[in-house]
Amino acid sequence: MKNLTKIILTSVLVMSIGSSVASADVTKGQKLYLKKLKGACGMNGAKMATKHSQMEWEMSKDTLANEIKNICPNAKDSALKEKYLPHYFDFFYEYANDSGNVPSC
């Protein structure tokens, strides 16, 4: 019984660590926006995120790169890599116009 408890606790710990590493991050999205898109968009992150409500960002999740290009036509394709999009989405969703949150950028 003691060994079974140890195995279960260990597997829960490993799964929780693994799932947090694999998920997107609001802070990382903010940093990426500042580094890769702010100059091309000509607006700070707060203004960009409030272009849509949370529901609108959710609806454009699958076509986020195209939506960013619509808002920021000068955005480079290198700033819209697939690996960045989940982080951008989390940042935009967290600070959407109906969220009540305001980023520090």
Protein backbone atom coordinates (compact mmCIF):
# COMPACT_ATOMS: atom_id res chain seq x y z
CA MET A 1 0.00 0.00 0.00
CA LYS A 2 2.85 2.36 0.85
CA ASN A 3 4.55 1.72 -2.49
CA LEU A 4 1.31 2.30 -4.37
CA THR A 5 0.87 5.67 -2.65
CA LYS A 6 4.41 6.68 -3.58
CA ILE A 7 3.86 5.71 -7.21
CA ILE A 8 0.61 7.65 -7.42
CA LEU A 9 2.09 10.77 -5.81
CA THR A 10 5.14 10.60 -8.07
CA SER A 11 3.02 10.25 -11.20
CA VAL A 12 0.80 13.16 -10.16
CA LEU A 13 3.87 15.33 -9.59
CA VAL A 14 5.40 14.40 -12.95
CA MET A 15 2.12 15.04 -14.77
CA SER A 16 1.63 18.43 -13.14
CA ILE A 17 5.14 19.57 -13.99
CA GLY A 18 4.88 18.28 -17.55
CA SER A 19 1.53 19.95 -18.21
CA SER A 20 2.68 23.34 -16.96
CA VAL A 21 5.76 23.28 -19.18
CA ALA A 22 3.71 22.38 -22.26
CA SER A 23 1.13 25.12 -21.82
CA ALA A 24 1.31 28.65 -23.18
CA ASP A 25 2.16 31.56 -20.93
CA VAL A 26 0.68 35.06 -20.65
CA THR A 27 3.98 36.57 -19.49
CA LYS A 28 5.89 34.95 -22.32
CA GLY A 29 3.27 36.24 -24.77
CA GLN A 30 3.73 39.75 -23.41
CA LYS A 31 7.51 39.54 -23.75
CA LEU A 32 7.21 38.15 -27.27
CA TYR A 33 4.79 40.92 -28.24
CA LEU A 34 7.16 43.57 -26.92
CA LYS A 35 10.14 42.04 -28.70
CA LYS A 36 8.61 40.92 -32.00
CA LEU A 37 5.42 42.90 -32.70
CA LYS A 38 5.34 46.20 -30.84
CA GLY A 39 7.43 48.08 -33.39
CA ALA A 40 5.56 46.64 -36.37
CA CYS A 41 2.17 47.28 -34.82
CA GLY A 42 2.97 50.76 -33.56
CA MET A 43 0.99 50.24 -30.35
CA ASN A 44 1.63 48.87 -26.92
CA GLY A 45 0.38 45.46 -25.81
CA ALA A 46 -2.60 46.85 -23.92
CA LYS A 47 -3.94 48.58 -27.01
CA MET A 48 -3.37 45.51 -29.18
CA ALA A 49 -5.07 43.13 -26.75
CA THR A 50 -8.11 45.38 -26.45
CA LYS A 51 -8.77 45.22 -30.18
CA HIS A 52 -11.09 42.29 -29.42
CA SER A 53 -13.11 40.81 -26.58
CA GLN A 54 -12.16 37.45 -25.09
CA MET A 55 -14.82 35.74 -27.20
CA GLU A 56 -13.52 37.39 -30.37
CA TRP A 57 -9.95 36.31 -29.58
CA GLU A 58 -11.26 32.80 -28.89
CA MET A 59 -13.04 32.76 -32.26
CA SER A 60 -9.85 33.85 -34.07
CA LYS A 61 -7.61 31.39 -32.22
CA ASP A 62 -7.23 29.08 -35.23
CA THR A 63 -6.43 31.99 -37.55
CA LEU A 64 -4.50 34.13 -35.07
CA ALA A 65 -1.58 34.81 -37.42
CA ASN A 66 -4.00 36.20 -40.03
CA GLU A 67 -5.79 38.30 -37.41
CA ILE A 68 -2.49 39.78 -36.22
CA LYS A 69 -1.59 40.54 -39.85
CA ASN A 70 -4.97 42.31 -40.28
CA ILE A 71 -4.34 44.50 -37.25
CA CYS A 72 -0.59 44.92 -37.90
CA PRO A 73 0.08 44.73 -41.64
CA ASN A 74 3.79 45.47 -41.05
CA ALA A 75 4.26 42.39 -38.85
CA LYS A 76 6.99 40.11 -40.17
CA ASP A 77 6.28 36.45 -40.81
CA SER A 78 9.19 35.57 -38.53
CA ALA A 79 7.26 37.14 -35.64
CA LEU A 80 4.24 34.94 -36.38
CA LYS A 81 5.83 31.51 -36.06
CA GLU A 82 3.55 28.69 -34.93
CA LYS A 83 5.49 28.30 -31.68
CA TYR A 84 4.73 31.93 -30.70
CA LEU A 85 1.00 31.91 -31.45
CA PRO A 86 -0.21 30.11 -28.27
CA HIS A 87 1.69 32.65 -26.16
CA TYR A 88 0.31 35.60 -28.15
CA PHE A 89 -3.18 34.16 -27.78
CA ASP A 90 -2.89 33.78 -24.02
CA PHE A 91 -1.61 37.34 -23.72
CA PHE A 92 -4.34 38.82 -25.93
CA TYR A 93 -7.05 36.75 -24.25
CA GLU A 94 -5.91 37.68 -20.74
CA TYR A 95 -5.94 41.40 -21.51
CA ALA A 96 -8.89 41.59 -23.93
CA ASN A 97 -11.20 44.61 -23.77
CA ASP A 98 -13.75 42.78 -21.60
CA SER A 99 -11.29 41.14 -19.20
CA GLY A 100 -10.74 44.05 -16.82
CA ASN A 101 -7.00 43.33 -16.78
CA VAL A 102 -4.35 45.81 -17.92
CA PRO A 103 -0.82 44.67 -18.89
CA SER A 104 2.27 46.55 -17.79
CA CYS A 105 3.59 47.21 -21.31
